[in-house]
Amino acid sequence: MSRKKQNLIMGVKTEMNNQSDETIDIIRILMDERCDIQFANIQNKEAH
């Protein structure tokens, strides 16, 4: 996991430490998917 991604997750966890762990897990999953999509887009641009 990249440093930037870890920092994003830590930031979300800090902001939401009064929320349930379930909410944090949902956000982490959404963030992971978004990061993967962005990474795929970057790879596609570099390939062309």
N, C-alpha and C. Protein backbone atom coordinates (compact mmCIF):
# COMPACT_ATOMS: atom_id res chain seq x y z
N MET A 1 0.85 -1.19 0.00
CA MET A 1 0.00 0.00 0.00
C MET A 1 0.90 1.25 0.00
N SER A 2 0.57 2.19 -0.87
CA SER A 2 1.40 3.38 -0.98
C SER A 2 1.25 4.28 0.25
N ARG A 3 2.23 5.11 0.47
CA ARG A 3 2.24 6.04 1.61
C ARG A 3 1.04 6.99 1.52
N LYS A 4 0.78 7.49 0.31
CA LYS A 4 -0.32 8.43 0.10
C LYS A 4 -1.66 7.79 0.48
N LYS A 5 -1.82 6.54 0.06
CA LYS A 5 -3.05 5.81 0.34
C LYS A 5 -3.20 5.58 1.85
N GLN A 6 -2.09 5.22 2.51
CA GLN A 6 -2.11 5.02 3.97
C GLN A 6 -2.52 6.31 4.67
N ASN A 7 -1.95 7.43 4.22
CA ASN A 7 -2.26 8.72 4.82
C ASN A 7 -3.73 9.07 4.64
N LEU A 8 -4.27 8.77 3.47
CA LEU A 8 -5.69 9.03 3.22
C LEU A 8 -6.57 8.22 4.18
N ILE A 9 -6.23 6.94 4.31
CA ILE A 9 -7.01 6.07 5.19
C ILE A 9 -6.89 6.53 6.64
N MET A 10 -5.66 6.89 7.06
CA MET A 10 -5.47 7.36 8.44
C MET A 10 -6.26 8.64 8.68
N GLY A 11 -6.27 9.53 7.69
CA GLY A 11 -7.03 10.77 7.80
C GLY A 11 -8.51 10.50 7.97
N VAL A 12 -9.02 9.58 7.18
CA VAL A 12 -10.44 9.22 7.28
C VAL A 12 -10.72 8.60 8.64
N LYS A 13 -9.83 7.72 9.10
CA LYS A 13 -10.02 7.08 10.40
C LYS A 13 -10.02 8.10 11.53
N THR A 14 -9.12 9.08 11.44
CA THR A 14 -9.03 10.11 12.47
C THR A 14 -10.31 10.93 12.49
N GLU A 15 -10.78 11.33 11.31
CA GLU A 15 -11.99 12.14 11.22
C GLU A 15 -13.21 11.37 11.73
N MET A 16 -13.18 10.06 11.56
CA MET A 16 -14.38 9.27 11.82
C MET A 16 -14.24 8.35 13.03
N ASN A 17 -13.31 8.67 13.94
CA ASN A 17 -13.09 7.75 15.06
C ASN A 17 -14.30 7.66 15.98
N ASN A 18 -15.28 8.55 15.80
CA ASN A 18 -16.50 8.43 16.59
C ASN A 18 -17.59 7.67 15.83
N GLN A 19 -17.26 7.23 14.61
CA GLN A 19 -18.19 6.43 13.82
C GLN A 19 -17.90 4.95 14.06
N SER A 20 -18.76 4.11 13.53
CA SER A 20 -18.56 2.67 13.70
C SER A 20 -17.44 2.17 12.79
N ASP A 21 -16.81 1.08 13.19
CA ASP A 21 -15.77 0.46 12.36
C ASP A 21 -16.34 0.05 11.00
N GLU A 22 -17.60 -0.32 10.99
CA GLU A 22 -18.23 -0.75 9.74
C GLU A 22 -18.21 0.38 8.72
N THR A 23 -18.50 1.60 9.17
CA THR A 23 -18.49 2.76 8.27
C THR A 23 -17.11 2.98 7.71
N ILE A 24 -16.10 2.86 8.57
CA ILE A 24 -14.71 3.05 8.14
C ILE A 24 -14.34 1.99 7.11
N ASP A 25 -14.76 0.75 7.33
CA ASP A 25 -14.48 -0.33 6.38
C ASP A 25 -15.10 -0.03 5.02
N ILE A 26 -16.34 0.48 5.02
CA ILE A 26 -17.01 0.81 3.76
C ILE A 26 -16.22 1.88 3.02
N ILE A 27 -15.80 2.91 3.75
CA ILE A 27 -15.04 3.99 3.11
C ILE A 27 -13.70 3.46 2.60
N ARG A 28 -13.05 2.61 3.37
CA ARG A 28 -11.77 2.06 2.93
C ARG A 28 -11.95 1.28 1.63
N ILE A 29 -13.02 0.48 1.55
CA ILE A 29 -13.29 -0.29 0.34
C ILE A 29 -13.52 0.64 -0.85
N LEU A 30 -14.31 1.68 -0.64
CA LEU A 30 -14.58 2.64 -1.72
C LEU A 30 -13.31 3.33 -2.16
N MET A 31 -12.47 3.74 -1.20
CA MET A 31 -11.22 4.41 -1.51
C MET A 31 -10.28 3.48 -2.27
N ASP A 32 -10.22 2.22 -1.85
CA ASP A 32 -9.36 1.24 -2.53
C ASP A 32 -9.80 1.10 -3.99
N GLU A 33 -11.10 1.00 -4.22
CA GLU A 33 -11.60 0.84 -5.58
C GLU A 33 -11.26 2.07 -6.42
N ARG A 34 -11.44 3.25 -5.82
CA ARG A 34 -11.18 4.47 -6.56
C ARG A 34 -9.69 4.59 -6.89
N CYS A 35 -8.84 4.25 -5.94
CA CYS A 35 -7.39 4.30 -6.17
C CYS A 35 -6.99 3.32 -7.27
N ASP A 36 -7.58 2.13 -7.26
CA ASP A 36 -7.27 1.13 -8.28
C ASP A 36 -7.69 1.63 -9.67
N ILE A 37 -8.84 2.28 -9.73
CA ILE A 37 -9.33 2.82 -11.01
C ILE A 37 -8.39 3.92 -11.50
N GLN A 38 -7.98 4.81 -10.61
CA GLN A 38 -7.07 5.88 -10.99
C GLN A 38 -5.74 5.31 -11.46
N PHE A 39 -5.25 4.29 -10.76
CA PHE A 39 -3.98 3.65 -11.14
C PHE A 39 -4.10 3.04 -12.53
N ALA A 40 -5.22 2.37 -12.81
CA ALA A 40 -5.45 1.76 -14.13
C ALA A 40 -5.49 2.85 -15.20
N ASN A 41 -6.12 3.98 -14.90
CA ASN A 41 -6.19 5.08 -15.87
C ASN A 41 -4.79 5.61 -16.18
N ILE A 42 -3.96 5.76 -15.14
CA ILE A 42 -2.59 6.24 -15.32
C ILE A 42 -1.82 5.26 -16.21
N GLN A 43 -1.96 3.97 -15.93
CA GLN A 43 -1.26 2.95 -16.73
C GLN A 43 -1.71 3.01 -18.19
N ASN A 44 -3.00 3.22 -18.40
CA ASN A 44 -3.51 3.29 -19.78
C ASN A 44 -2.91 4.48 -20.52
N LYS A 45 -2.82 5.62 -19.84
CA LYS A 45 -2.25 6.82 -20.47
C LYS A 45 -0.79 6.60 -20.82
N GLU A 46 -0.04 5.93 -19.92
CA GLU A 46 1.38 5.68 -20.16
C GLU A 46 1.57 4.69 -21.31
N ALA A 47 0.62 3.80 -21.48
CA ALA A 47 0.74 2.76 -22.50
C ALA A 47 0.56 3.34 -23.91
N HIS A 48 -0.21 4.42 -24.02
CA HIS A 48 -0.51 4.99 -25.35
C HIS A 48 0.49 6.05 -25.76
